[in-house]
Amino acid sequence: MSCQCPKQENIDNDPSIMIIDVRTPAEYKSGHIPKAVNIPLDKADKIKSLFKNMDTIIYVYCLSGARSSKACNYFSKIGYTNVTNIGAVGNWLCYS
């Protein structure tokens, strides 16, 4: 698990890549990364019903990186094998 920005072309060209915003619904509504799914940290177990393939490429972010780190640890612990913490939503600006 690492903290890095995914490459834009990877996101645009691969529909199997999932982006998860673990902020609250209010934070998500105030603005989020295109294609991101909102799964608040306190509802992280919801991932199991949304992404059945444990090898799904998953990028996770939040406001500062703390919640996304916790979520990545949880997702990995329950068996997801390709989870990347992109940290703070502001990191998205590094290539968008």
PDB file of N, CA and C in Angstrom:
ATOM      1  N   MET A   1       0.850  -1.174   0.000  1.00  0.00           N
ATOM      2  CA  MET A   1       0.000   0.000   0.000  1.00  0.00           C
ATOM      3  C   MET A   1       0.898   1.240   0.000  1.00  0.00           C
ATOM      4  N   SER A   2       0.567   2.173  -0.868  1.00  0.00           N
ATOM      5  CA  SER A   2       1.389   3.370  -0.972  1.00  0.00           C
ATOM      6  C   SER A   2       0.507   4.603  -1.023  1.00  0.00           C
ATOM      7  N   CYS A   3       1.120   5.754  -0.887  1.00  0.00           N
ATOM      8  CA  CYS A   3       0.392   7.008  -1.010  1.00  0.00           C
ATOM      9  C   CYS A   3       0.913   7.700  -2.257  1.00  0.00           C
ATOM     10  N   GLN A   4       0.142   7.653  -3.313  1.00  0.00           N
ATOM     11  CA  GLN A   4       0.571   8.231  -4.570  1.00  0.00           C
ATOM     12  C   GLN A   4      -0.624   8.609  -5.412  1.00  0.00           C
ATOM     13  N   CYS A   5      -0.374   9.430  -6.392  1.00  0.00           N
ATOM     14  CA  CYS A   5      -1.405   9.847  -7.325  1.00  0.00           C
ATOM     15  C   CYS A   5      -1.424   8.893  -8.503  1.00  0.00           C
ATOM     16  N   PRO A   6      -2.577   8.352  -8.846  1.00  0.00           N
ATOM     17  CA  PRO A   6      -2.647   7.511 -10.034  1.00  0.00           C
ATOM     18  C   PRO A   6      -2.513   8.364 -11.286  1.00  0.00           C
ATOM     19  N   LYS A   7      -2.091   7.766 -12.363  1.00  0.00           N
ATOM     20  CA  LYS A   7      -1.956   8.501 -13.617  1.00  0.00           C
ATOM     21  C   LYS A   7      -3.328   8.677 -14.252  1.00  0.00           C
ATOM     22  N   GLN A   8      -3.616   9.874 -14.710  1.00  0.00           N
ATOM     23  CA  GLN A   8      -4.911  10.207 -15.301  1.00  0.00           C
ATOM     24  C   GLN A   8      -5.286   9.234 -16.411  1.00  0.00           C
ATOM     25  N   GLU A   9      -4.329   8.904 -17.291  1.00  0.00           N
ATOM     26  CA  GLU A   9      -4.663   8.026 -18.410  1.00  0.00           C
ATOM     27  C   GLU A   9      -5.071   6.646 -17.932  1.00  0.00           C
ATOM     28  N   ASN A  10      -4.522   6.191 -16.804  1.00  0.00           N
ATOM     29  CA  ASN A  10      -4.933   4.904 -16.247  1.00  0.00           C
ATOM     30  C   ASN A  10      -6.392   4.942 -15.805  1.00  0.00           C
ATOM     31  N   ILE A  11      -6.770   6.011 -15.151  1.00  0.00           N
ATOM     32  CA  ILE A  11      -8.143   6.159 -14.675  1.00  0.00           C
ATOM     33  C   ILE A  11      -9.104   6.247 -15.862  1.00  0.00           C
ATOM     34  N   ASP A  12      -8.766   7.074 -16.830  1.00  0.00           N
ATOM     35  CA  ASP A  12      -9.647   7.288 -17.975  1.00  0.00           C
ATOM     36  C   ASP A  12      -9.796   6.065 -18.856  1.00  0.00           C
ATOM     37  N   ASN A  13      -8.748   5.265 -18.990  1.00  0.00           N
ATOM     38  CA  ASN A  13      -8.755   4.158 -19.937  1.00  0.00           C
ATOM     39  C   ASN A  13      -9.068   2.801 -19.335  1.00  0.00           C
ATOM     40  N   ASP A  14      -9.246   2.729 -18.043  1.00  0.00           N
ATOM     41  CA  ASP A  14      -9.501   1.440 -17.406  1.00  0.00           C
ATOM     42  C   ASP A  14     -10.736   1.516 -16.512  1.00  0.00           C
ATOM     43  N   PRO A  15     -11.875   1.065 -17.043  1.00  0.00           N
ATOM     44  CA  PRO A  15     -13.111   1.148 -16.248  1.00  0.00           C
ATOM     45  C   PRO A  15     -13.109   0.254 -15.015  1.00  0.00           C
ATOM     46  N   SER A  16     -12.138  -0.644 -14.911  1.00  0.00           N
ATOM     47  CA  SER A  16     -12.098  -1.508 -13.729  1.00  0.00           C
ATOM     48  C   SER A  16     -11.466  -0.823 -12.527  1.00  0.00           C
ATOM     49  N   ILE A  17     -10.828   0.345 -12.735  1.00  0.00           N
ATOM     50  CA  ILE A  17     -10.234   1.088 -11.619  1.00  0.00           C
ATOM     51  C   ILE A  17     -11.340   1.801 -10.845  1.00  0.00           C
ATOM     52  N   MET A  18     -11.354   1.605  -9.553  1.00  0.00           N
ATOM     53  CA  MET A  18     -12.350   2.220  -8.683  1.00  0.00           C
ATOM     54  C   MET A  18     -11.692   3.256  -7.785  1.00  0.00           C
ATOM     55  N   ILE A  19     -12.392   4.356  -7.579  1.00  0.00           N
ATOM     56  CA  ILE A  19     -11.924   5.414  -6.678  1.00  0.00           C
ATOM     57  C   ILE A  19     -12.938   5.523  -5.552  1.00  0.00           C
ATOM     58  N   ILE A  20     -12.457   5.443  -4.332  1.00  0.00           N
ATOM     59  CA  ILE A  20     -13.336   5.510  -3.160  1.00  0.00           C
ATOM     60  C   ILE A  20     -12.999   6.737  -2.325  1.00  0.00           C
ATOM     61  N   ASP A  21     -14.024   7.529  -2.073  1.00  0.00           N
ATOM     62  CA  ASP A  21     -13.951   8.709  -1.215  1.00  0.00           C
ATOM     63  C   ASP A  21     -14.499   8.288   0.141  1.00  0.00           C
ATOM     64  N   VAL A  22     -13.665   8.277   1.174  1.00  0.00           N
ATOM     65  CA  VAL A  22     -14.113   7.814   2.492  1.00  0.00           C
ATOM     66  C   VAL A  22     -14.514   8.959   3.418  1.00  0.00           C
ATOM     67  N   ARG A  23     -14.730  10.139   2.848  1.00  0.00           N
ATOM     68  CA  ARG A  23     -15.214  11.273   3.646  1.00  0.00           C
ATOM     69  C   ARG A  23     -16.708  11.107   3.910  1.00  0.00           C
ATOM     70  N   THR A  24     -17.260  11.998   4.698  1.00  0.00           N
ATOM     71  CA  THR A  24     -18.690  11.957   5.004  1.00  0.00           C
ATOM     72  C   THR A  24     -19.500  12.298   3.745  1.00  0.00           C
ATOM     73  N   PRO A  25     -20.775  11.923   3.715  1.00  0.00           N
ATOM     74  CA  PRO A  25     -21.607  12.295   2.566  1.00  0.00           C
ATOM     75  C   PRO A  25     -21.636  13.805   2.317  1.00  0.00           C
ATOM     76  N   ALA A  26     -21.638  14.606   3.368  1.00  0.00           N
ATOM     77  CA  ALA A  26     -21.642  16.066   3.200  1.00  0.00           C
ATOM     78  C   ALA A  26     -20.351  16.535   2.536  1.00  0.00           C
ATOM     79  N   GLU A  27     -19.222  15.987   2.965  1.00  0.00           N
ATOM     80  CA  GLU A  27     -17.942  16.350   2.350  1.00  0.00           C
ATOM     81  C   GLU A  27     -17.922  15.934   0.879  1.00  0.00           C
ATOM     82  N   TYR A  28     -18.419  14.744   0.611  1.00  0.00           N
ATOM     83  CA  TYR A  28     -18.474  14.230  -0.764  1.00  0.00           C
ATOM     84  C   TYR A  28     -19.324  15.136  -1.649  1.00  0.00           C
ATOM     85  N   LYS A  29     -20.473  15.537  -1.129  1.00  0.00           N
ATOM     86  CA  LYS A  29     -21.371  16.408  -1.891  1.00  0.00           C
ATOM     87  C   LYS A  29     -20.757  17.774  -2.166  1.00  0.00           C
ATOM     88  N   SER A  30     -19.836  18.196  -1.311  1.00  0.00           N
ATOM     89  CA  SER A  30     -19.221  19.512  -1.501  1.00  0.00           C
ATOM     90  C   SER A  30     -18.190  19.511  -2.631  1.00  0.00           C
ATOM     91  N   GLY A  31     -17.884  18.345  -3.132  1.00  0.00           N
ATOM     92  CA  GLY A  31     -16.940  18.213  -4.231  1.00  0.00           C
ATOM     93  C   GLY A  31     -16.132  16.943  -4.099  1.00  0.00           C
ATOM     94  N   HIS A  32     -15.995  16.213  -5.199  1.00  0.00           N
ATOM     95  CA  HIS A  32     -15.251  14.954  -5.161  1.00  0.00           C
ATOM     96  C   HIS A  32     -14.582  14.681  -6.508  1.00  0.00           C
ATOM     97  N   ILE A  33     -13.694  13.736  -6.505  1.00  0.00           N
ATOM     98  CA  ILE A  33     -12.987  13.323  -7.717  1.00  0.00           C
ATOM     99  C   ILE A  33     -13.991  12.650  -8.653  1.00  0.00           C
ATOM    100  N   PRO A  34     -13.948  12.989  -9.938  1.00  0.00           N
ATOM    101  CA  PRO A  34     -14.834  12.320 -10.889  1.00  0.00           C
ATOM    102  C   PRO A  34     -14.656  10.798 -10.806  1.00  0.00           C
ATOM    103  N   LYS A  35     -15.754  10.097 -10.904  1.00  0.00           N
ATOM    104  CA  LYS A  35     -15.803   8.635 -10.868  1.00  0.00           C
ATOM    105  C   LYS A  35     -15.726   8.065  -9.445  1.00  0.00           C
ATOM    106  N   ALA A  36     -15.533   8.906  -8.435  1.00  0.00           N
ATOM    107  CA  ALA A  36     -15.409   8.409  -7.061  1.00  0.00           C
ATOM    108  C   ALA A  36     -16.745   7.942  -6.512  1.00  0.00           C
ATOM    109  N   VAL A  37     -16.678   6.868  -5.735  1.00  0.00           N
ATOM    110  CA  VAL A  37     -17.822   6.327  -5.013  1.00  0.00           C
ATOM    111  C   VAL A  37     -17.635   6.722  -3.550  1.00  0.00           C
ATOM    112  N   ASN A  38     -18.698   7.190  -2.919  1.00  0.00           N
ATOM    113  CA  ASN A  38     -18.613   7.593  -1.515  1.00  0.00           C
ATOM    114  C   ASN A  38     -18.919   6.404  -0.608  1.00  0.00           C
ATOM    115  N   ILE A  39     -17.908   5.976   0.132  1.00  0.00           N
ATOM    116  CA  ILE A  39     -18.066   4.961   1.174  1.00  0.00           C
ATOM    117  C   ILE A  39     -17.421   5.546   2.419  1.00  0.00           C
ATOM    118  N   PRO A  40     -18.206   6.223   3.261  1.00  0.00           N
ATOM    119  CA  PRO A  40     -17.635   6.832   4.466  1.00  0.00           C
ATOM    120  C   PRO A  40     -16.881   5.797   5.312  1.00  0.00           C
ATOM    121  N   LEU A  41     -15.833   6.227   5.963  1.00  0.00           N
ATOM    122  CA  LEU A  41     -15.006   5.323   6.749  1.00  0.00           C
ATOM    123  C   LEU A  41     -15.835   4.487   7.720  1.00  0.00           C
ATOM    124  N   ASP A  42     -16.832   5.083   8.358  1.00  0.00           N
ATOM    125  CA  ASP A  42     -17.631   4.326   9.333  1.00  0.00           C
ATOM    126  C   ASP A  42     -18.565   3.311   8.668  1.00  0.00           C
ATOM    127  N   LYS A  43     -18.594   3.274   7.359  1.00  0.00           N
ATOM    128  CA  LYS A  43     -19.381   2.293   6.617  1.00  0.00           C
ATOM    129  C   LYS A  43     -18.489   1.506   5.651  1.00  0.00           C
ATOM    130  N   ALA A  44     -17.211   1.390   6.000  1.00  0.00           N
ATOM    131  CA  ALA A  44     -16.221   0.774   5.109  1.00  0.00           C
ATOM    132  C   ALA A  44     -16.578  -0.646   4.700  1.00  0.00           C
ATOM    133  N   ASP A  45     -17.316  -1.365   5.542  1.00  0.00           N
ATOM    134  CA  ASP A  45     -17.690  -2.733   5.189  1.00  0.00           C
ATOM    135  C   ASP A  45     -18.630  -2.797   3.982  1.00  0.00           C
ATOM    136  N   LYS A  46     -19.196  -1.668   3.585  1.00  0.00           N
ATOM    137  CA  LYS A  46     -20.061  -1.596   2.408  1.00  0.00           C
ATOM    138  C   LYS A  46     -19.304  -1.981   1.133  1.00  0.00           C
ATOM    139  N   ILE A  47     -17.989  -1.888   1.168  1.00  0.00           N
ATOM    140  CA  ILE A  47     -17.189  -2.213  -0.009  1.00  0.00           C
ATOM    141  C   ILE A  47     -17.460  -3.631  -0.490  1.00  0.00           C
ATOM    142  N   LYS A  48     -17.710  -4.549   0.439  1.00  0.00           N
ATOM    143  CA  LYS A  48     -17.919  -5.948   0.073  1.00  0.00           C
ATOM    144  C   LYS A  48     -19.113  -6.135  -0.842  1.00  0.00           C
ATOM    145  N   SER A  49     -20.135  -5.306  -0.681  1.00  0.00           N
ATOM    146  CA  SER A  49     -21.320  -5.433  -1.538  1.00  0.00           C
ATOM    147  C   SER A  49     -21.148  -4.708  -2.867  1.00  0.00           C
ATOM    148  N   LEU A  50     -20.218  -3.750  -2.937  1.00  0.00           N
ATOM    149  CA  LEU A  50     -20.006  -2.989  -4.163  1.00  0.00           C
ATOM    150  C   LEU A  50     -18.951  -3.591  -5.077  1.00  0.00           C
ATOM    151  N   PHE A  51     -17.905  -4.141  -4.504  1.00  0.00           N
ATOM    152  CA  PHE A  51     -16.792  -4.676  -5.282  1.00  0.00           C
ATOM    153  C   PHE A  51     -16.523  -6.111  -4.852  1.00  0.00           C
ATOM    154  N   LYS A  52     -17.058  -7.051  -5.606  1.00  0.00           N
ATOM    155  CA  LYS A  52     -16.913  -8.476  -5.276  1.00  0.00           C
ATOM    156  C   LYS A  52     -15.521  -9.008  -5.616  1.00  0.00           C
ATOM    157  N   ASN A  53     -14.909  -8.450  -6.666  1.00  0.00           N
ATOM    158  CA  ASN A  53     -13.590  -8.900  -7.098  1.00  0.00           C
ATOM    159  C   ASN A  53     -12.531  -8.351  -6.146  1.00  0.00           C
ATOM    160  N   MET A  54     -11.881  -9.235  -5.433  1.00  0.00           N
ATOM    161  CA  MET A  54     -10.898  -8.818  -4.437  1.00  0.00           C
ATOM    162  C   MET A  54      -9.613  -8.272  -5.066  1.00  0.00           C
ATOM    163  N   ASP A  55      -9.467  -8.419  -6.392  1.00  0.00           N
ATOM    164  CA  ASP A  55      -8.295  -7.909  -7.093  1.00  0.00           C
ATOM    165  C   ASP A  55      -8.584  -6.584  -7.811  1.00  0.00           C
ATOM    166  N   THR A  56      -9.753  -6.011  -7.547  1.00  0.00           N
ATOM    167  CA  THR A  56     -10.103  -4.719  -8.134  1.00  0.00           C
ATOM    168  C   THR A  56      -9.038  -3.689  -7.779  1.00  0.00           C
ATOM    169  N   ILE A  57      -8.671  -2.857  -8.758  1.00  0.00           N
ATOM    170  CA  ILE A  57      -7.736  -1.760  -8.495  1.00  0.00           C
ATOM    171  C   ILE A  57      -8.525  -0.657  -7.802  1.00  0.00           C
ATOM    172  N   ILE A  58      -8.137  -0.330  -6.580  1.00  0.00           N
ATOM    173  CA  ILE A  58      -8.875   0.629  -5.768  1.00  0.00           C
ATOM    174  C   ILE A  58      -7.952   1.747  -5.295  1.00  0.00           C
ATOM    175  N   TYR A  59      -8.348   2.989  -5.590  1.00  0.00           N
ATOM    176  CA  TYR A  59      -7.664   4.169  -5.073  1.00  0.00           C
ATOM    177  C   TYR A  59      -8.580   4.795  -4.023  1.00  0.00           C
ATOM    178  N   VAL A  60      -8.017   5.134  -2.874  1.00  0.00           N
ATOM    179  CA  VAL A  60      -8.797   5.648  -1.749  1.00  0.00           C
ATOM    180  C   VAL A  60      -8.266   7.020  -1.337  1.00  0.00           C
ATOM    181  N   TYR A  61      -9.196   7.942  -1.053  1.00  0.00           N
ATOM    182  CA  TYR A  61      -8.788   9.274  -0.591  1.00  0.00           C
ATOM    183  C   TYR A  61      -9.777   9.813   0.423  1.00  0.00           C
ATOM    184  N   CYS A  62      -9.353  10.883   1.122  1.00  0.00           N
ATOM    185  CA  CYS A  62     -10.208  11.597   2.070  1.00  0.00           C
ATOM    186  C   CYS A  62      -9.757  13.063   2.061  1.00  0.00           C
ATOM    187  N   LEU A  63      -9.977  13.770   3.133  1.00  0.00           N
ATOM    188  CA  LEU A  63      -9.587  15.175   3.189  1.00  0.00           C
ATOM    189  C   LEU A  63      -8.083  15.353   3.424  1.00  0.00           C
ATOM    190  N   SER A  64      -7.546  14.611   4.389  1.00  0.00           N
ATOM    191  CA  SER A  64      -6.141  14.804   4.760  1.00  0.00           C
ATOM    192  C   SER A  64      -5.258  13.589   4.511  1.00  0.00           C
ATOM    193  N   GLY A  65      -5.863  12.431   4.370  1.00  0.00           N
ATOM    194  CA  GLY A  65      -5.113  11.190   4.196  1.00  0.00           C
ATOM    195  C   GLY A  65      -5.227  10.243   5.379  1.00  0.00           C
ATOM    196  N   ALA A  66      -5.690  10.729   6.522  1.00  0.00           N
ATOM    197  CA  ALA A  66      -5.793   9.879   7.717  1.00  0.00           C
ATOM    198  C   ALA A  66      -6.879   8.820   7.573  1.00  0.00           C
ATOM    199  N   ARG A  67      -8.075   9.229   7.180  1.00  0.00           N
ATOM    200  CA  ARG A  67      -9.168   8.264   7.021  1.00  0.00           C
ATOM    201  C   ARG A  67      -8.892   7.293   5.878  1.00  0.00           C
ATOM    202  N   SER A  68      -8.297   7.805   4.807  1.00  0.00           N
ATOM    203  CA  SER A  68      -8.014   6.911   3.675  1.00  0.00           C
ATOM    204  C   SER A  68      -6.966   5.865   4.075  1.00  0.00           C
ATOM    205  N   SER A  69      -6.032   6.223   4.919  1.00  0.00           N
ATOM    206  CA  SER A  69      -5.044   5.263   5.409  1.00  0.00           C
ATOM    207  C   SER A  69      -5.731   4.155   6.207  1.00  0.00           C
ATOM    208  N   LYS A  70      -6.635   4.538   7.089  1.00  0.00           N
ATOM    209  CA  LYS A  70      -7.383   3.552   7.886  1.00  0.00           C
ATOM    210  C   LYS A  70      -8.224   2.663   6.979  1.00  0.00           C
ATOM    211  N   ALA A  71      -8.873   3.269   5.996  1.00  0.00           N
ATOM    212  CA  ALA A  71      -9.713   2.499   5.076  1.00  0.00           C
ATOM    213  C   ALA A  71      -8.870   1.513   4.276  1.00  0.00           C
ATOM    214  N   CYS A  72      -7.721   1.960   3.783  1.00  0.00           N
ATOM    215  CA  CYS A  72      -6.839   1.067   3.018  1.00  0.00           C
ATOM    216  C   CYS A  72      -6.400  -0.122   3.871  1.00  0.00           C
ATOM    217  N   ASN A  73      -6.047   0.149   5.108  1.00  0.00           N
ATOM    218  CA  ASN A  73      -5.661  -0.946   6.009  1.00  0.00           C
ATOM    219  C   ASN A  73      -6.808  -1.928   6.174  1.00  0.00           C
ATOM    220  N   TYR A  74      -8.015  -1.418   6.358  1.00  0.00           N
ATOM    221  CA  TYR A  74      -9.187  -2.285   6.520  1.00  0.00           C
ATOM    222  C   TYR A  74      -9.451  -3.081   5.243  1.00  0.00           C
ATOM    223  N   PHE A  75      -9.447  -2.404   4.087  1.00  0.00           N
ATOM    224  CA  PHE A  75      -9.725  -3.091   2.827  1.00  0.00           C
ATOM    225  C   PHE A  75      -8.710  -4.204   2.577  1.00  0.00           C
ATOM    226  N   SER A  76      -7.456  -3.939   2.875  1.00  0.00           N
ATOM    227  CA  SER A  76      -6.419  -4.963   2.720  1.00  0.00           C
ATOM    228  C   SER A  76      -6.630  -6.118   3.693  1.00  0.00           C
ATOM    229  N   LYS A  77      -6.993  -5.768   4.920  1.00  0.00           N
ATOM    230  CA  LYS A  77      -7.206  -6.788   5.956  1.00  0.00           C
ATOM    231  C   LYS A  77      -8.329  -7.755   5.575  1.00  0.00           C
ATOM    232  N   ILE A  78      -9.366  -7.241   4.899  1.00  0.00           N
ATOM    233  CA  ILE A  78     -10.489  -8.122   4.534  1.00  0.00           C
ATOM    234  C   ILE A  78     -10.270  -8.811   3.188  1.00  0.00           C
ATOM    235  N   GLY A  79      -9.108  -8.593   2.585  1.00  0.00           N
ATOM    236  CA  GLY A  79      -8.757  -9.382   1.419  1.00  0.00           C
ATOM    237  C   GLY A  79      -8.576  -8.684   0.091  1.00  0.00           C
ATOM    238  N   TYR A  80      -8.806  -7.379   0.023  1.00  0.00           N
ATOM    239  CA  TYR A  80      -8.578  -6.669  -1.238  1.00  0.00           C
ATOM    240  C   TYR A  80      -7.072  -6.558  -1.460  1.00  0.00           C
ATOM    241  N   THR A  81      -6.637  -6.887  -2.676  1.00  0.00           N
ATOM    242  CA  THR A  81      -5.211  -7.054  -2.925  1.00  0.00           C
ATOM    243  C   THR A  81      -4.540  -5.891  -3.645  1.00  0.00           C
ATOM    244  N   ASN A  82      -5.320  -4.957  -4.164  1.00  0.00           N
ATOM    245  CA  ASN A  82      -4.737  -3.893  -4.981  1.00  0.00           C
ATOM    246  C   ASN A  82      -5.282  -2.532  -4.551  1.00  0.00           C
ATOM    247  N   VAL A  83      -4.977  -2.157  -3.307  1.00  0.00           N
ATOM    248  CA  VAL A  83      -5.495  -0.937  -2.698  1.00  0.00           C
ATOM    249  C   VAL A  83      -4.382   0.099  -2.586  1.00  0.00           C
ATOM    250  N   THR A  84      -4.655   1.315  -3.054  1.00  0.00           N
ATOM    251  CA  THR A  84      -3.672   2.399  -2.985  1.00  0.00           C
ATOM    252  C   THR A  84      -4.285   3.615  -2.310  1.00  0.00           C
ATOM    253  N   ASN A  85      -3.586   4.138  -1.331  1.00  0.00           N
ATOM    254  CA  ASN A  85      -4.008   5.357  -0.647  1.00  0.00           C
ATOM    255  C   ASN A  85      -3.460   6.551  -1.417  1.00  0.00           C
ATOM    256  N   ILE A  86      -4.338   7.344  -2.021  1.00  0.00           N
ATOM    257  CA  ILE A  86      -3.851   8.560  -2.682  1.00  0.00           C
ATOM    258  C   ILE A  86      -3.901   9.743  -1.725  1.00  0.00           C
ATOM    259  N   GLY A  87      -4.269   9.462  -0.472  1.00  0.00           N
ATOM    260  CA  GLY A  87      -4.196  10.474   0.581  1.00  0.00           C
ATOM    261  C   GLY A  87      -5.256  11.537   0.498  1.00  0.00           C
ATOM    262  N   ALA A  88      -4.808  12.772   0.554  1.00  0.00           N
ATOM    263  CA  ALA A  88      -5.720  13.913   0.567  1.00  0.00           C
ATOM    264  C   ALA A  88      -6.310  14.173  -0.808  1.00  0.00           C
ATOM    265  N   VAL A  89      -7.552  14.614  -0.810  1.00  0.00           N
ATOM    266  CA  VAL A  89      -8.217  14.940  -2.077  1.00  0.00           C
ATOM    267  C   VAL A  89      -7.406  15.947  -2.857  1.00  0.00           C
ATOM    268  N   GLY A  90      -6.680  16.803  -2.196  1.00  0.00           N
ATOM    269  CA  GLY A  90      -5.839  17.785  -2.869  1.00  0.00           C
ATOM    270  C   GLY A  90      -4.717  17.155  -3.685  1.00  0.00           C
ATOM    271  N   ASN A  91      -4.342  15.913  -3.355  1.00  0.00           N
ATOM    272  CA  ASN A  91      -3.314  15.220  -4.135  1.00  0.00           C
ATOM    273  C   ASN A  91      -3.761  15.007  -5.576  1.00  0.00           C
ATOM    274  N   TRP A  92      -5.059  14.961  -5.760  1.00  0.00           N
ATOM    275  CA  TRP A  92      -5.608  14.762  -7.098  1.00  0.00           C
ATOM    276  C   TRP A  92      -5.122  15.861  -8.036  1.00  0.00           C
ATOM    277  N   LEU A  93      -4.845  17.016  -7.477  1.00  0.00           N
ATOM    278  CA  LEU A  93      -4.398  18.155  -8.285  1.00  0.00           C
ATOM    279  C   LEU A  93      -3.022  17.952  -8.880  1.00  0.00           C
ATOM    280  N   CYS A  94      -2.312  16.939  -8.443  1.00  0.00           N
ATOM    281  CA  CYS A  94      -0.952  16.746  -8.951  1.00  0.00           C
ATOM    282  C   CYS A  94      -0.950  16.356 -10.420  1.00  0.00           C
ATOM    283  N   TYR A  95      -2.070  15.967 -10.957  1.00  0.00           N
ATOM    284  CA  TYR A  95      -2.090  15.664 -12.387  1.00  0.00           C
ATOM    285  C   TYR A  95      -3.367  16.067 -13.092  1.00  0.00           C
ATOM    286  N   SER A  96      -4.342  16.558 -12.365  1.00  0.00           N
ATOM    287  CA  SER A  96      -5.598  16.892 -13.038  1.00  0.00           C
ATOM    288  C   SER A  96      -5.670  18.360 -13.398  1.00  0.00           C
TER     289      SER A  96
END
